[in-house]
Amino acid sequence: MAIAALVLGILAVLLCWTVVGGVLLGLIAVVLGAVAASRARRRVAAGRGMAIAGVVLGLLGLVLSVALVFIGFSLFNSSGGKTLTECIQNADGDQAKIDQCQQDFQRNLEDRN
């Protein structure tokens, strides 16, 4: 379990830019690491250091992933993304209106640059 927690913690940090990589693998690493550390403390299993490293790396991957998602949503909203989503919702499935919303959003982005 300790080795699995360590490997998943490393993967969580490396893949923190993806939601699945950072959040899911981070959570699994934290849970496995906590269980493995508990078992090592009771002297049922070895690898307490690897388990703790897995927990720390899992938490780091989780925090980085959540921060990147928050930054991404902030950038999307600040660039007019909220207006785009509202426009698409108001289009009621009309593809021509949706295309116009996308063109307006793209034009808005180009005007900012």
Protein backbone atom coordinates (compact mmCIF):
# COMPACT_ATOMS: atom_id res chain seq x y z
CA MET A 1 0.00 0.00 0.00
CA ALA A 2 2.81 2.41 0.83
CA ILE A 3 4.42 1.91 -2.57
CA ALA A 4 1.07 2.40 -4.32
CA ALA A 5 0.49 5.61 -2.34
CA LEU A 6 3.93 6.89 -3.28
CA VAL A 7 3.51 6.07 -6.97
CA LEU A 8 0.04 7.61 -7.09
CA GLY A 9 1.30 10.68 -5.22
CA ILE A 10 4.07 11.15 -7.76
CA LEU A 11 1.57 10.74 -10.61
CA ALA A 12 -0.79 13.22 -8.94
CA VAL A 13 1.95 15.87 -8.88
CA LEU A 14 3.03 15.13 -12.44
CA LEU A 15 -0.55 15.15 -13.75
CA CYS A 16 -1.88 17.99 -11.58
CA TRP A 17 -2.74 19.99 -14.70
CA THR A 18 -5.52 17.46 -15.35
CA VAL A 19 -8.48 17.14 -13.05
CA VAL A 20 -8.40 13.35 -13.09
CA GLY A 21 -4.66 13.23 -12.51
CA GLY A 22 -4.49 15.76 -9.73
CA VAL A 23 -7.74 15.32 -7.88
CA LEU A 24 -8.53 11.64 -8.33
CA LEU A 25 -5.01 10.26 -8.04
CA GLY A 26 -4.26 12.73 -5.23
CA LEU A 27 -7.26 11.56 -3.21
CA ILE A 28 -6.42 7.90 -3.73
CA ALA A 29 -2.78 8.52 -2.75
CA VAL A 30 -3.87 10.29 0.45
CA VAL A 31 -6.24 7.49 1.44
CA LEU A 32 -3.80 4.68 0.64
CA GLY A 33 -0.95 6.55 2.34
CA ALA A 34 -2.99 7.13 5.49
CA VAL A 35 -3.99 3.47 5.68
CA ALA A 36 -0.43 2.32 5.01
CA ALA A 37 1.00 4.72 7.62
CA SER A 38 -1.53 3.48 10.15
CA ARG A 39 -0.63 -0.12 9.44
CA ALA A 40 3.09 0.68 9.71
CA ARG A 41 2.54 2.44 13.04
CA ARG A 42 0.86 -0.70 14.40
CA ARG A 43 3.81 -2.71 13.04
CA VAL A 44 1.53 -4.73 10.76
CA ALA A 45 3.39 -3.56 7.65
CA ALA A 46 6.51 -1.65 6.71
CA GLY A 47 7.03 1.47 4.60
CA ARG A 48 5.86 4.27 6.86
CA GLY A 49 8.18 6.77 5.15
CA MET A 50 6.88 5.90 1.70
CA ALA A 51 3.31 6.14 2.98
CA ILE A 52 3.91 9.60 4.42
CA ALA A 53 5.63 10.70 1.21
CA GLY A 54 2.60 9.40 -0.73
CA VAL A 55 0.24 11.40 1.46
CA VAL A 56 2.30 14.58 1.08
CA LEU A 57 2.66 14.21 -2.69
CA GLY A 58 -1.03 13.31 -3.04
CA LEU A 59 -2.01 16.43 -1.10
CA LEU A 60 0.38 18.54 -3.17
CA GLY A 61 -1.08 17.18 -6.44
CA LEU A 62 -4.61 17.75 -5.13
CA VAL A 63 -3.92 21.34 -4.07
CA LEU A 64 -2.12 22.19 -7.32
CA SER A 65 -4.96 20.71 -9.39
CA VAL A 66 -7.65 22.63 -7.50
CA ALA A 67 -5.62 25.85 -7.81
CA LEU A 68 -5.18 25.34 -11.56
CA VAL A 69 -8.91 24.70 -12.01
CA PHE A 70 -9.70 27.86 -10.05
CA ILE A 71 -7.25 29.91 -12.10
CA GLY A 72 -8.67 28.44 -15.32
CA PHE A 73 -12.24 29.35 -14.39
CA SER A 74 -11.13 32.84 -13.37
CA LEU A 75 -9.35 33.38 -16.69
CA PHE A 76 -12.32 32.00 -18.62
CA ASN A 77 -14.75 34.31 -16.84
CA SER A 78 -12.49 37.36 -17.13
CA SER A 79 -12.14 36.83 -20.89
CA GLY A 80 -15.90 36.87 -21.45
CA GLY A 81 -16.57 33.19 -20.95
CA LYS A 82 -19.57 33.85 -18.75
CA THR A 83 -21.13 35.91 -21.53
CA LEU A 84 -20.45 33.07 -23.98
CA THR A 85 -22.15 30.48 -21.79
CA GLU A 86 -25.15 32.75 -21.24
CA CYS A 87 -25.39 33.41 -24.98
CA ILE A 88 -25.26 29.68 -25.76
CA GLN A 89 -27.93 28.95 -23.16
CA ASN A 90 -30.17 31.65 -24.65
CA ALA A 91 -29.67 30.19 -28.15
CA ASP A 92 -32.02 27.30 -27.24
CA GLY A 93 -30.15 24.83 -29.44
CA ASP A 94 -30.25 26.97 -32.60
CA GLN A 95 -26.91 26.19 -34.27
CA ALA A 96 -26.79 29.52 -36.14
CA LYS A 97 -27.18 31.44 -32.87
CA ILE A 98 -24.55 29.26 -31.18
CA ASP A 99 -22.13 29.90 -34.05
CA GLN A 100 -22.78 33.64 -33.70
CA CYS A 101 -22.06 33.42 -29.95
CA GLN A 102 -18.76 31.69 -30.66
CA GLN A 103 -17.81 34.26 -33.30
CA ASP A 104 -18.63 37.13 -30.93
CA PHE A 105 -16.52 35.49 -28.21
CA GLN A 106 -13.59 35.00 -30.58
CA ARG A 107 -13.86 38.59 -31.82
CA ASN A 108 -13.92 39.79 -28.21
CA LEU A 109 -10.73 37.83 -27.46
CA GLU A 110 -8.99 39.18 -30.54
CA ASP A 111 -9.95 42.75 -29.62
CA ARG A 112 -8.33 42.32 -26.19
CA ASN A 113 -5.01 41.33 -27.77
